[in-house]
Amino acid sequence: MRVVKNGDVHVSAPIGMPREKVMAFIEENREWIEHARKRTYERHKQRAEFFSKLPLATRAQADEALKRLKSLVVPMVEKHAKAMGVKPSTVYYKPTISRWGQCNVKERSICISAYVLLLPEWCVEHVVVHELCHLLEPSHNARFHALMDQYFPRWREARKETHRICRMEEDEE
C-alpha cells in the first residue's frame, strides 16, 4: 500500500484475493493512510513554497532569471566540458520542477532548470557536471558514478545538500 503524489491510496494485492479482504486491510490501516496523506500534502506544500521563491511570472522576471542563469552556468559548462573532453551541442534553460537538469544524449543537448538559481553555486555545479557526464555515459551505472567521482568528487554531498534544501521542513523535525 502506498500514497501517491495526489494523495490517492494505491493497494497491490495478489490476483484472486477477495475484495472484502483488501477493504478490511485498508480499514485496518486507516490511521497510517491519514498520516501518509498528511505527510504527502505537507511535502507538496513545502515544495511549492520552495519553488515560488524564484519569481518567473512576468517577462521581466523570466529575462532576469535567464540572464543570471547564463552568467552562472555558461562558465561552469565551459570549464567542465573542456576538462571532460565533451561539447554539448546546446545548453538551454527551462523552469522545470521535476528535474534540475536533463541531457538528450542523441542531440547532445543539456537543459538546466531555472530553479537551480535557488541552490548554492556548488550544487548548481554538481547539476552541470552530472549532465555533462551523461554525454560520456547515458545511464546511472558504475561508470557514470566513477566519472562523477573523477570530475566532481563532492557530488554525493552536493546531491544530499540539494535534497536537504528542498526539504528543510523535514530535516528540522
Protein backbone atom coordinates (compact mmCIF):
# COMPACT_ATOMS: atom_id res chain seq x y z
CA MET A 1 0.00 0.00 0.00
CA ARG A 2 1.28 3.48 -0.86
CA VAL A 3 0.06 7.04 -1.05
CA VAL A 4 0.89 8.68 -4.39
CA LYS A 5 1.58 12.36 -5.10
CA ASN A 6 -2.06 13.42 -5.44
CA GLY A 7 -2.99 11.71 -2.14
CA ASP A 8 -4.64 8.65 -3.67
CA VAL A 9 -4.04 5.31 -1.98
CA HIS A 10 -2.76 2.52 -4.22
CA VAL A 11 -3.05 -1.01 -2.91
CA SER A 12 -1.46 -4.04 -4.54
CA ALA A 13 -2.94 -7.44 -3.79
CA PRO A 14 -2.44 -10.94 -5.17
CA ILE A 15 -4.72 -11.95 -8.03
CA GLY A 16 -7.80 -13.63 -6.68
CA MET A 17 -7.70 -12.05 -3.22
CA PRO A 18 -11.27 -11.29 -2.20
CA ARG A 19 -12.25 -7.61 -2.36
CA GLU A 20 -13.57 -7.78 1.21
CA LYS A 21 -10.13 -8.83 2.47
CA VAL A 22 -8.47 -5.91 0.62
CA MET A 23 -11.05 -3.47 2.01
CA ALA A 24 -10.52 -4.84 5.54
CA PHE A 25 -6.75 -4.33 5.14
CA ILE A 26 -7.34 -0.72 4.08
CA GLU A 27 -9.67 -0.14 7.03
CA GLU A 28 -7.16 -1.66 9.47
CA ASN A 29 -4.54 0.77 8.18
CA ARG A 30 -6.74 3.88 8.09
CA GLU A 31 -4.55 5.72 10.64
CA TRP A 32 -1.38 5.06 8.60
CA ILE A 33 -3.17 6.23 5.44
CA GLU A 34 -4.25 9.51 7.03
CA HIS A 35 -0.75 10.13 8.39
CA ALA A 36 0.84 9.34 5.00
CA ARG A 37 -1.63 11.61 3.20
CA LYS A 38 -0.84 14.44 5.61
CA ARG A 39 2.92 13.96 5.06
CA THR A 40 2.40 13.91 1.28
CA TYR A 41 0.33 17.10 1.42
CA GLU A 42 2.90 18.86 3.62
CA ARG A 43 5.76 17.79 1.35
CA HIS A 44 3.98 19.16 -1.73
CA LYS A 45 3.09 22.39 0.04
CA GLN A 46 6.70 22.83 1.12
CA ARG A 47 8.00 22.12 -2.42
CA ALA A 48 5.57 24.67 -3.84
CA GLU A 49 6.79 27.25 -1.31
CA PHE A 50 10.40 26.46 -2.19
CA PHE A 51 9.91 26.86 -5.95
CA SER A 52 7.82 30.01 -5.50
CA LYS A 53 10.96 31.75 -4.16
CA LEU A 54 12.04 32.29 -7.77
CA PRO A 55 9.55 34.63 -9.42
CA LEU A 56 9.06 33.84 -13.10
CA ALA A 57 5.54 35.17 -13.67
CA THR A 58 6.43 38.18 -15.81
CA ARG A 59 8.62 38.55 -18.89
CA ALA A 60 10.96 40.83 -16.92
CA GLN A 61 11.34 38.22 -14.16
CA ALA A 62 11.99 35.44 -16.68
CA ASP A 63 14.53 37.58 -18.56
CA GLU A 64 16.34 38.43 -15.33
CA ALA A 65 16.44 34.77 -14.31
CA LEU A 66 17.79 33.75 -17.73
CA LYS A 67 20.50 36.41 -17.52
CA ARG A 68 21.53 35.18 -14.05
CA LEU A 69 21.40 31.54 -15.19
CA LYS A 70 23.64 32.12 -18.17
CA SER A 71 26.20 34.07 -16.17
CA LEU A 72 26.31 31.24 -13.64
CA VAL A 73 26.05 28.13 -15.83
CA VAL A 74 27.96 29.03 -19.02
CA PRO A 75 31.37 29.34 -17.30
CA MET A 76 30.74 26.05 -15.47
CA VAL A 77 29.87 24.27 -18.70
CA GLU A 78 32.93 25.68 -20.47
CA LYS A 79 35.28 24.71 -17.64
CA HIS A 80 33.98 21.18 -17.10
CA ALA A 81 33.27 20.34 -20.74
CA LYS A 82 36.87 21.19 -21.59
CA ALA A 83 38.23 19.08 -18.70
CA MET A 84 35.98 16.16 -19.69
CA GLY A 85 36.60 16.41 -23.42
CA VAL A 86 32.93 16.86 -24.30
CA LYS A 87 30.98 19.59 -26.03
CA PRO A 88 27.22 19.90 -25.71
CA SER A 89 25.54 20.99 -28.94
CA THR A 90 23.39 23.40 -26.97
CA VAL A 91 22.63 24.38 -23.40
CA TYR A 92 19.17 25.70 -22.74
CA TYR A 93 17.06 26.55 -19.71
CA LYS A 94 13.51 25.75 -18.63
CA PRO A 95 11.59 26.29 -15.38
CA THR A 96 11.28 22.56 -14.62
CA ILE A 97 10.47 21.42 -11.09
CA SER A 98 10.71 17.69 -11.67
CA ARG A 99 14.41 17.73 -12.66
CA TRP A 100 17.36 20.02 -12.03
CA GLY A 101 18.87 19.10 -15.36
CA GLN A 102 18.39 16.89 -18.36
CA CYS A 103 20.64 15.58 -21.10
CA ASN A 104 19.48 14.50 -24.52
CA VAL A 105 22.29 12.14 -25.46
CA LYS A 106 21.26 11.80 -29.13
CA GLU A 107 21.15 15.56 -29.68
CA ARG A 108 23.99 16.10 -27.18
CA SER A 109 21.98 18.94 -25.63
CA ILE A 110 21.69 19.88 -21.99
CA CYS A 111 18.78 21.55 -20.26
CA ILE A 112 19.21 23.20 -16.87
CA SER A 113 16.24 24.11 -14.70
CA ALA A 114 15.85 27.80 -13.96
CA TYR A 115 15.24 26.77 -10.36
CA VAL A 116 18.92 25.91 -9.86
CA LEU A 117 19.11 29.62 -9.04
CA LEU A 118 17.64 28.63 -5.66
CA LEU A 119 20.63 26.38 -4.92
CA PRO A 120 24.14 27.18 -3.71
CA GLU A 121 26.64 27.57 -6.54
CA TRP A 122 28.45 24.30 -5.78
CA CYS A 123 25.15 22.41 -6.04
CA VAL A 124 24.49 24.05 -9.42
CA GLU A 125 27.96 22.91 -10.48
CA HIS A 126 27.02 19.37 -9.46
CA VAL A 127 23.98 19.53 -11.78
CA VAL A 128 26.13 20.81 -14.65
CA VAL A 129 28.78 18.10 -14.22
CA HIS A 130 26.07 15.44 -13.84
CA GLU A 131 24.53 16.38 -17.19
CA LEU A 132 27.92 16.64 -18.91
CA CYS A 133 28.81 13.16 -17.62
CA HIS A 134 25.76 11.85 -19.46
CA LEU A 135 27.48 12.86 -22.70
CA LEU A 136 30.10 10.25 -21.78
CA GLU A 137 27.76 7.72 -20.13
CA PRO A 138 24.00 7.85 -20.72
CA SER A 139 22.90 5.74 -17.75
CA HIS A 140 23.45 5.99 -13.99
CA ASN A 141 25.68 2.93 -13.82
CA ALA A 142 29.06 2.32 -12.13
CA ARG A 143 30.93 4.02 -14.97
CA PHE A 144 28.76 7.12 -14.62
CA HIS A 145 29.42 7.24 -10.86
CA ALA A 146 33.16 6.81 -11.49
CA LEU A 147 33.03 9.76 -13.92
CA MET A 148 31.22 11.85 -11.31
CA ASP A 149 33.85 10.84 -8.73
CA GLN A 150 36.56 11.92 -11.16
CA TYR A 151 35.08 15.23 -12.30
CA PHE A 152 33.12 16.35 -9.22
CA PRO A 153 34.27 14.36 -6.17
CA ARG A 154 31.80 16.10 -3.84
CA TRP A 155 28.79 15.08 -5.94
CA ARG A 156 27.22 12.89 -3.26
CA GLU A 157 27.49 15.71 -0.73
CA ALA A 158 26.06 18.20 -3.25
CA ARG A 159 23.14 15.89 -4.04
CA LYS A 160 22.44 15.45 -0.34
CA GLU A 161 22.59 19.23 0.23
CA THR A 162 20.23 19.86 -2.69
CA HIS A 163 17.71 17.41 -1.22
CA ARG A 164 18.11 18.99 2.21
CA ILE A 165 17.46 22.48 0.84
CA CYS A 166 14.29 21.32 -0.90
CA ARG A 167 13.06 19.52 2.20
CA MET A 168 14.22 21.77 5.01
CA GLU A 169 10.99 21.30 6.90
CA GLU A 170 11.51 17.53 7.10
CA ASP A 171 15.11 17.89 8.26
CA GLU A 172 14.17 20.31 11.00
CA GLU A 173 11.65 17.93 12.59
